[in-house]
Amino acid sequence: DLDEAEALMLSDPGAAMERLNGYDIAEFNDS
């Protein structure tokens, strides 16, 4: 999913930002 957000950042930085804000990083399980 992060790879998709990185690809989206080149064409639509706002959409990429919105996608990255959509993650609840408190639930991540890997550093």
ModelCIF file with pLDDT and N, C-alpha, C, O atoms, coordinates in Angstrom:
data_MODEL
#
_entry.id   MODEL 
#
_entity.id                         1 
_entity.type                       polymer 
_entity.pdbx_number_of_molecules   1 
#
_entity_poly.entity_id                      1 
_entity_poly.type                           'polypeptide(L)' 
_entity_poly.nstd_linkage                   no 
_entity_poly.nstd_monomer                   no 
_entity_poly.pdbx_seq_one_letter_code       DLDEAEALMLSDPGAAMERLNGYDIAEFNDS 
_entity_poly.pdbx_seq_one_letter_code_can   DLDEAEALMLSDPGAAMERLNGYDIAEFNDS 
_entity_poly.pdbx_strand_id                 A 
#
loop_
_entity_poly_seq.entity_id 
_entity_poly_seq.num 
_entity_poly_seq.mon_id 
_entity_poly_seq.hetero 
1 1  ASP n 
1 2  LEU n 
1 3  ASP n 
1 4  GLU n 
1 5  ALA n 
1 6  GLU n 
1 7  ALA n 
1 8  LEU n 
1 9  MET n 
1 10 LEU n 
1 11 SER n 
1 12 ASP n 
1 13 PRO n 
1 14 GLY n 
1 15 ALA n 
1 16 ALA n 
1 17 MET n 
1 18 GLU n 
1 19 ARG n 
1 20 LEU n 
1 21 ASN n 
1 22 GLY n 
1 23 TYR n 
1 24 ASP n 
1 25 ILE n 
1 26 ALA n 
1 27 GLU n 
1 28 PHE n 
1 29 ASN n 
1 30 ASP n 
1 31 SER n 
#
_struct_asym.id          A 
_struct_asym.entity_id   1 
#
loop_
_ma_qa_metric.id 
_ma_qa_metric.mode 
_ma_qa_metric.name 
_ma_qa_metric.software_group_id 
_ma_qa_metric.type 
1 global pLDDT . pLDDT 
2 local  pLDDT . pLDDT 
#
_ma_qa_metric_global.metric_id      1 
_ma_qa_metric_global.metric_value   90.45 
_ma_qa_metric_global.model_id       1 
_ma_qa_metric_global.ordinal_id     1 
#
loop_
_ma_qa_metric_local.label_asym_id 
_ma_qa_metric_local.label_comp_id 
_ma_qa_metric_local.label_seq_id 
_ma_qa_metric_local.metric_id 
_ma_qa_metric_local.metric_value 
_ma_qa_metric_local.model_id 
_ma_qa_metric_local.ordinal_id 
A ASP 1  2 89.00 1 1  
A LEU 2  2 90.00 1 2  
A ASP 3  2 90.00 1 3  
A GLU 4  2 90.00 1 4  
A ALA 5  2 88.00 1 5  
A GLU 6  2 88.00 1 6  
A ALA 7  2 88.00 1 7  
A LEU 8  2 89.00 1 8  
A MET 9  2 86.00 1 9  
A LEU 10 2 85.00 1 10 
A SER 11 2 89.00 1 11 
A ASP 12 2 93.00 1 12 
A PRO 13 2 91.00 1 13 
A GLY 14 2 91.00 1 14 
A ALA 15 2 92.00 1 15 
A ALA 16 2 92.00 1 16 
A MET 17 2 92.00 1 17 
A GLU 18 2 92.00 1 18 
A ARG 19 2 92.00 1 19 
A LEU 20 2 93.00 1 20 
A ASN 21 2 93.00 1 21 
A GLY 22 2 92.00 1 22 
A TYR 23 2 92.00 1 23 
A ASP 24 2 92.00 1 24 
A ILE 25 2 93.00 1 25 
A ALA 26 2 92.00 1 26 
A GLU 27 2 90.00 1 27 
A PHE 28 2 91.00 1 28 
A ASN 29 2 88.00 1 29 
A ASP 30 2 89.00 1 30 
A SER 31 2 92.00 1 31 
#
loop_
_atom_site.group_PDB 
_atom_site.id 
_atom_site.type_symbol 
_atom_site.label_atom_id 
_atom_site.label_alt_id 
_atom_site.label_comp_id 
_atom_site.label_asym_id 
_atom_site.label_entity_id 
_atom_site.label_seq_id 
_atom_site.pdbx_PDB_ins_code 
_atom_site.Cartn_x 
_atom_site.Cartn_y 
_atom_site.Cartn_z 
_atom_site.occupancy 
_atom_site.B_iso_or_equiv 
_atom_site.pdbx_formal_charge 
_atom_site.auth_seq_id 
_atom_site.auth_comp_id 
_atom_site.auth_asym_id 
_atom_site.auth_atom_id 
_atom_site.pdbx_PDB_model_num 
ATOM 1   N N  . ASP A 1 1  ? 0.831  -1.212 0.000  1.00 89.00 ? 1  ASP A N  1 
ATOM 2   C CA . ASP A 1 1  ? 0.000  0.000  0.000  1.00 89.00 ? 1  ASP A CA 1 
ATOM 3   C C  . ASP A 1 1  ? 0.863  1.258  0.000  1.00 89.00 ? 1  ASP A C  1 
ATOM 4   O O  . ASP A 1 1  ? 0.531  2.247  -0.654 1.00 89.00 ? 1  ASP A O  1 
ATOM 5   N N  . LEU A 1 2  ? 1.973  1.215  0.738  1.00 90.00 ? 2  LEU A N  1 
ATOM 6   C CA . LEU A 1 2  ? 2.875  2.381  0.767  1.00 90.00 ? 2  LEU A CA 1 
ATOM 7   C C  . LEU A 1 2  ? 3.545  2.590  -0.588 1.00 90.00 ? 2  LEU A C  1 
ATOM 8   O O  . LEU A 1 2  ? 3.799  3.723  -0.997 1.00 90.00 ? 2  LEU A O  1 
ATOM 9   N N  . ASP A 1 3  ? 3.829  1.487  -1.276 1.00 90.00 ? 3  ASP A N  1 
ATOM 10  C CA . ASP A 1 3  ? 4.394  1.622  -2.633 1.00 90.00 ? 3  ASP A CA 1 
ATOM 11  C C  . ASP A 1 3  ? 3.401  2.342  -3.559 1.00 90.00 ? 3  ASP A C  1 
ATOM 12  O O  . ASP A 1 3  ? 3.788  3.166  -4.388 1.00 90.00 ? 3  ASP A O  1 
ATOM 13  N N  . GLU A 1 4  ? 2.118  2.010  -3.395 1.00 90.00 ? 4  GLU A N  1 
ATOM 14  C CA . GLU A 1 4  ? 1.088  2.679  -4.209 1.00 90.00 ? 4  GLU A CA 1 
ATOM 15  C C  . GLU A 1 4  ? 0.997  4.163  -3.849 1.00 90.00 ? 4  GLU A C  1 
ATOM 16  O O  . GLU A 1 4  ? 0.834  5.011  -4.727 1.00 90.00 ? 4  GLU A O  1 
ATOM 17  N N  . ALA A 1 5  ? 1.104  4.473  -2.550 1.00 88.00 ? 5  ALA A N  1 
ATOM 18  C CA . ALA A 1 5  ? 1.065  5.876  -2.130 1.00 88.00 ? 5  ALA A CA 1 
ATOM 19  C C  . ALA A 1 5  ? 2.263  6.636  -2.678 1.00 88.00 ? 5  ALA A C  1 
ATOM 20  O O  . ALA A 1 5  ? 2.132  7.797  -3.067 1.00 88.00 ? 5  ALA A O  1 
ATOM 21  N N  . GLU A 1 6  ? 3.431  5.995  -2.712 1.00 88.00 ? 6  GLU A N  1 
ATOM 22  C CA . GLU A 1 6  ? 4.626  6.657  -3.256 1.00 88.00 ? 6  GLU A CA 1 
ATOM 23  C C  . GLU A 1 6  ? 4.465  6.943  -4.751 1.00 88.00 ? 6  GLU A C  1 
ATOM 24  O O  . GLU A 1 6  ? 4.868  7.998  -5.241 1.00 88.00 ? 6  GLU A O  1 
ATOM 25  N N  . ALA A 1 7  ? 3.861  5.974  -5.473 1.00 88.00 ? 7  ALA A N  1 
ATOM 26  C CA . ALA A 1 7  ? 3.636  6.185  -6.915 1.00 88.00 ? 7  ALA A CA 1 
ATOM 27  C C  . ALA A 1 7  ? 2.602  7.295  -7.140 1.00 88.00 ? 7  ALA A C  1 
ATOM 28  O O  . ALA A 1 7  ? 2.709  8.071  -8.090 1.00 88.00 ? 7  ALA A O  1 
ATOM 29  N N  . LEU A 1 8  ? 1.617  7.358  -6.267 1.00 89.00 ? 8  LEU A N  1 
ATOM 30  C CA . LEU A 1 8  ? 0.572  8.378  -6.401 1.00 89.00 ? 8  LEU A CA 1 
ATOM 31  C C  . LEU A 1 8  ? 1.110  9.775  -6.119 1.00 89.00 ? 8  LEU A C  1 
ATOM 32  O O  . LEU A 1 8  ? 0.565  10.761 -6.614 1.00 89.00 ? 8  LEU A O  1 
ATOM 33  N N  . MET A 1 9  ? 2.196  9.866  -5.313 1.00 86.00 ? 9  MET A N  1 
ATOM 34  C CA . MET A 1 9  ? 2.720  11.156 -4.903 1.00 86.00 ? 9  MET A CA 1 
ATOM 35  C C  . MET A 1 9  ? 3.237  11.972 -6.099 1.00 86.00 ? 9  MET A C  1 
ATOM 36  O O  . MET A 1 9  ? 3.207  13.202 -6.057 1.00 86.00 ? 9  MET A O  1 
ATOM 37  N N  . LEU A 1 10 ? 3.696  11.325 -7.132 1.00 85.00 ? 10 LEU A N  1 
ATOM 38  C CA . LEU A 1 10 ? 4.225  12.034 -8.298 1.00 85.00 ? 10 LEU A CA 1 
ATOM 39  C C  . LEU A 1 10 ? 3.112  12.732 -9.082 1.00 85.00 ? 10 LEU A C  1 
ATOM 40  O O  . LEU A 1 10 ? 3.306  13.826 -9.612 1.00 85.00 ? 10 LEU A O  1 
ATOM 41  N N  . SER A 1 11 ? 1.933  12.080 -9.150 1.00 89.00 ? 11 SER A N  1 
ATOM 42  C CA . SER A 1 11 ? 0.843  12.653 -9.942 1.00 89.00 ? 11 SER A CA 1 
ATOM 43  C C  . SER A 1 11 ? -0.139 13.462 -9.101 1.00 89.00 ? 11 SER A C  1 
ATOM 44  O O  . SER A 1 11 ? -0.709 14.441 -9.581 1.00 89.00 ? 11 SER A O  1 
ATOM 45  N N  . ASP A 1 12 ? -0.338 13.057 -7.851 1.00 93.00 ? 12 ASP A N  1 
ATOM 46  C CA . ASP A 1 12 ? -1.323 13.731 -7.000 1.00 93.00 ? 12 ASP A CA 1 
ATOM 47  C C  . ASP A 1 12 ? -0.836 13.718 -5.547 1.00 93.00 ? 12 ASP A C  1 
ATOM 48  O O  . ASP A 1 12 ? -1.241 12.855 -4.768 1.00 93.00 ? 12 ASP A O  1 
ATOM 49  N N  . PRO A 1 13 ? 0.033  14.674 -5.175 1.00 91.00 ? 13 PRO A N  1 
ATOM 50  C CA . PRO A 1 13 ? 0.573  14.699 -3.798 1.00 91.00 ? 13 PRO A CA 1 
ATOM 51  C C  . PRO A 1 13 ? -0.514 14.810 -2.738 1.00 91.00 ? 13 PRO A C  1 
ATOM 52  O O  . PRO A 1 13 ? -0.373 14.263 -1.644 1.00 91.00 ? 13 PRO A O  1 
ATOM 53  N N  . GLY A 1 14 ? -1.607 15.521 -3.058 1.00 91.00 ? 14 GLY A N  1 
ATOM 54  C CA . GLY A 1 14 ? -2.681 15.675 -2.088 1.00 91.00 ? 14 GLY A CA 1 
ATOM 55  C C  . GLY A 1 14 ? -3.356 14.348 -1.781 1.00 91.00 ? 14 GLY A C  1 
ATOM 56  O O  . GLY A 1 14 ? -3.642 14.045 -0.622 1.00 91.00 ? 14 GLY A O  1 
ATOM 57  N N  . ALA A 1 15 ? -3.612 13.550 -2.826 1.00 92.00 ? 15 ALA A N  1 
ATOM 58  C CA . ALA A 1 15 ? -4.235 12.238 -2.631 1.00 92.00 ? 15 ALA A CA 1 
ATOM 59  C C  . ALA A 1 15 ? -3.296 11.304 -1.868 1.00 92.00 ? 15 ALA A C  1 
ATOM 60  O O  . ALA A 1 15 ? -3.729 10.520 -1.024 1.00 92.00 ? 15 ALA A O  1 
ATOM 61  N N  . ALA A 1 16 ? -1.993 11.404 -2.184 1.00 92.00 ? 16 ALA A N  1 
ATOM 62  C CA . ALA A 1 16 ? -1.016 10.581 -1.466 1.00 92.00 ? 16 ALA A CA 1 
ATOM 63  C C  . ALA A 1 16 ? -0.998 10.950 0.011  1.00 92.00 ? 16 ALA A C  1 
ATOM 64  O O  . ALA A 1 16 ? -0.925 10.077 0.875  1.00 92.00 ? 16 ALA A O  1 
ATOM 65  N N  . MET A 1 17 ? -1.067 12.268 0.300  1.00 92.00 ? 17 MET A N  1 
ATOM 66  C CA . MET A 1 17 ? -1.085 12.732 1.681  1.00 92.00 ? 17 MET A CA 1 
ATOM 67  C C  . MET A 1 17 ? -2.331 12.214 2.396  1.00 92.00 ? 17 MET A C  1 
ATOM 68  O O  . MET A 1 17 ? -2.265 11.791 3.550  1.00 92.00 ? 17 MET A O  1 
ATOM 69  N N  . GLU A 1 18 ? -3.453 12.251 1.704  1.00 92.00 ? 18 GLU A N  1 
ATOM 70  C CA . GLU A 1 18 ? -4.693 11.790 2.299  1.00 92.00 ? 18 GLU A CA 1 
ATOM 71  C C  . GLU A 1 18 ? -4.621 10.293 2.616  1.00 92.00 ? 18 GLU A C  1 
ATOM 72  O O  . GLU A 1 18 ? -5.078 9.846  3.669  1.00 92.00 ? 18 GLU A O  1 
ATOM 73  N N  . ARG A 1 19 ? -4.035 9.523  1.681  1.00 92.00 ? 19 ARG A N  1 
ATOM 74  C CA . ARG A 1 19 ? -3.899 8.085  1.922  1.00 92.00 ? 19 ARG A CA 1 
ATOM 75  C C  . ARG A 1 19 ? -2.983 7.798  3.115  1.00 92.00 ? 19 ARG A C  1 
ATOM 76  O O  . ARG A 1 19 ? -3.267 6.924  3.934  1.00 92.00 ? 19 ARG A O  1 
ATOM 77  N N  . LEU A 1 20 ? -1.885 8.547  3.198  1.00 93.00 ? 20 LEU A N  1 
ATOM 78  C CA . LEU A 1 20 ? -0.937 8.336  4.306  1.00 93.00 ? 20 LEU A CA 1 
ATOM 79  C C  . LEU A 1 20 ? -1.556 8.739  5.637  1.00 93.00 ? 20 LEU A C  1 
ATOM 80  O O  . LEU A 1 20 ? -1.267 8.124  6.663  1.00 93.00 ? 20 LEU A O  1 
ATOM 81  N N  . ASN A 1 21 ? -2.392 9.751  5.635  1.00 93.00 ? 21 ASN A N  1 
ATOM 82  C CA . ASN A 1 21 ? -3.092 10.147 6.856  1.00 93.00 ? 21 ASN A CA 1 
ATOM 83  C C  . ASN A 1 21 ? -4.154 9.122  7.258  1.00 93.00 ? 21 ASN A C  1 
ATOM 84  O O  . ASN A 1 21 ? -4.587 9.072  8.409  1.00 93.00 ? 21 ASN A O  1 
ATOM 85  N N  . GLY A 1 22 ? -4.558 8.314  6.288  1.00 92.00 ? 22 GLY A N  1 
ATOM 86  C CA . GLY A 1 22 ? -5.614 7.336  6.572  1.00 92.00 ? 22 GLY A CA 1 
ATOM 87  C C  . GLY A 1 22 ? -5.140 6.145  7.389  1.00 92.00 ? 22 GLY A C  1 
ATOM 88  O O  . GLY A 1 22 ? -5.969 5.391  7.899  1.00 92.00 ? 22 GLY A O  1 
ATOM 89  N N  . TYR A 1 23 ? -3.840 5.953  7.529  1.00 92.00 ? 23 TYR A N  1 
ATOM 90  C CA . TYR A 1 23 ? -3.330 4.831  8.327  1.00 92.00 ? 23 TYR A CA 1 
ATOM 91  C C  . TYR A 1 23 ? -3.387 5.156  9.816  1.00 92.00 ? 23 TYR A C  1 
ATOM 92  O O  . TYR A 1 23 ? -3.058 6.265  10.238 1.00 92.00 ? 23 TYR A O  1 
ATOM 93  N N  . ASP A 1 24 ? -3.803 4.190  10.585 1.00 92.00 ? 24 ASP A N  1 
ATOM 94  C CA . ASP A 1 24 ? -3.676 4.290  12.050 1.00 92.00 ? 24 ASP A CA 1 
ATOM 95  C C  . ASP A 1 24 ? -2.331 3.659  12.416 1.00 92.00 ? 24 ASP A C  1 
ATOM 96  O O  . ASP A 1 24 ? -2.232 2.448  12.613 1.00 92.00 ? 24 ASP A O  1 
ATOM 97  N N  . ILE A 1 25 ? -1.308 4.495  12.503 1.00 93.00 ? 25 ILE A N  1 
ATOM 98  C CA . ILE A 1 25 ? 0.047  3.949  12.669 1.00 93.00 ? 25 ILE A CA 1 
ATOM 99  C C  . ILE A 1 25 ? 0.242  3.307  14.042 1.00 93.00 ? 25 ILE A C  1 
ATOM 100 O O  . ILE A 1 25 ? 1.225  2.601  14.265 1.00 93.00 ? 25 ILE A O  1 
ATOM 101 N N  . ALA A 1 26 ? -0.694 3.551  14.960 1.00 92.00 ? 26 ALA A N  1 
ATOM 102 C CA . ALA A 1 26 ? -0.605 2.883  16.264 1.00 92.00 ? 26 ALA A CA 1 
ATOM 103 C C  . ALA A 1 26 ? -0.770 1.368  16.122 1.00 92.00 ? 26 ALA A C  1 
ATOM 104 O O  . ALA A 1 26 ? -0.386 0.609  17.012 1.00 92.00 ? 26 ALA A O  1 
ATOM 105 N N  . GLU A 1 27 ? -1.354 0.927  14.975 1.00 90.00 ? 27 GLU A N  1 
ATOM 106 C CA . GLU A 1 27 ? -1.592 -0.499 14.750 1.00 90.00 ? 27 GLU A CA 1 
ATOM 107 C C  . GLU A 1 27 ? -0.475 -1.166 13.962 1.00 90.00 ? 27 GLU A C  1 
ATOM 108 O O  . GLU A 1 27 ? -0.528 -2.373 13.722 1.00 90.00 ? 27 GLU A O  1 
ATOM 109 N N  . PHE A 1 28 ? 0.538  -0.402 13.555 1.00 91.00 ? 28 PHE A N  1 
ATOM 110 C CA . PHE A 1 28 ? 1.658  -1.011 12.830 1.00 91.00 ? 28 PHE A CA 1 
ATOM 111 C C  . PHE A 1 28 ? 2.351  -2.035 13.741 1.00 91.00 ? 28 PHE A C  1 
ATOM 112 O O  . PHE A 1 28 ? 2.377  -1.907 14.965 1.00 91.00 ? 28 PHE A O  1 
ATOM 113 N N  . ASN A 1 29 ? 2.915  -3.065 13.073 1.00 88.00 ? 29 ASN A N  1 
ATOM 114 C CA . ASN A 1 29 ? 3.577  -4.127 13.832 1.00 88.00 ? 29 ASN A CA 1 
ATOM 115 C C  . ASN A 1 29 ? 5.051  -4.292 13.486 1.00 88.00 ? 29 ASN A C  1 
ATOM 116 O O  . ASN A 1 29 ? 5.689  -5.259 13.902 1.00 88.00 ? 29 ASN A O  1 
ATOM 117 N N  . ASP A 1 30 ? 5.587  -3.346 12.724 1.00 89.00 ? 30 ASP A N  1 
ATOM 118 C CA . ASP A 1 30 ? 6.964  -3.518 12.283 1.00 89.00 ? 30 ASP A CA 1 
ATOM 119 C C  . ASP A 1 30 ? 7.647  -2.149 12.212 1.00 89.00 ? 30 ASP A C  1 
ATOM 120 O O  . ASP A 1 30 ? 7.069  -1.192 11.698 1.00 89.00 ? 30 ASP A O  1 
ATOM 121 N N  . SER A 1 31 ? 8.864  -2.057 12.724 1.00 92.00 ? 31 SER A N  1 
ATOM 122 C CA . SER A 1 31 ? 9.584  -0.780 12.715 1.00 92.00 ? 31 SER A CA 1 
ATOM 123 C C  . SER A 1 31 ? 9.981  -0.369 11.303 1.00 92.00 ? 31 SER A C  1 
ATOM 124 O O  . SER A 1 31 ? 10.595 0.681  11.115 1.00 92.00 ? 31 SER A O  1 
#
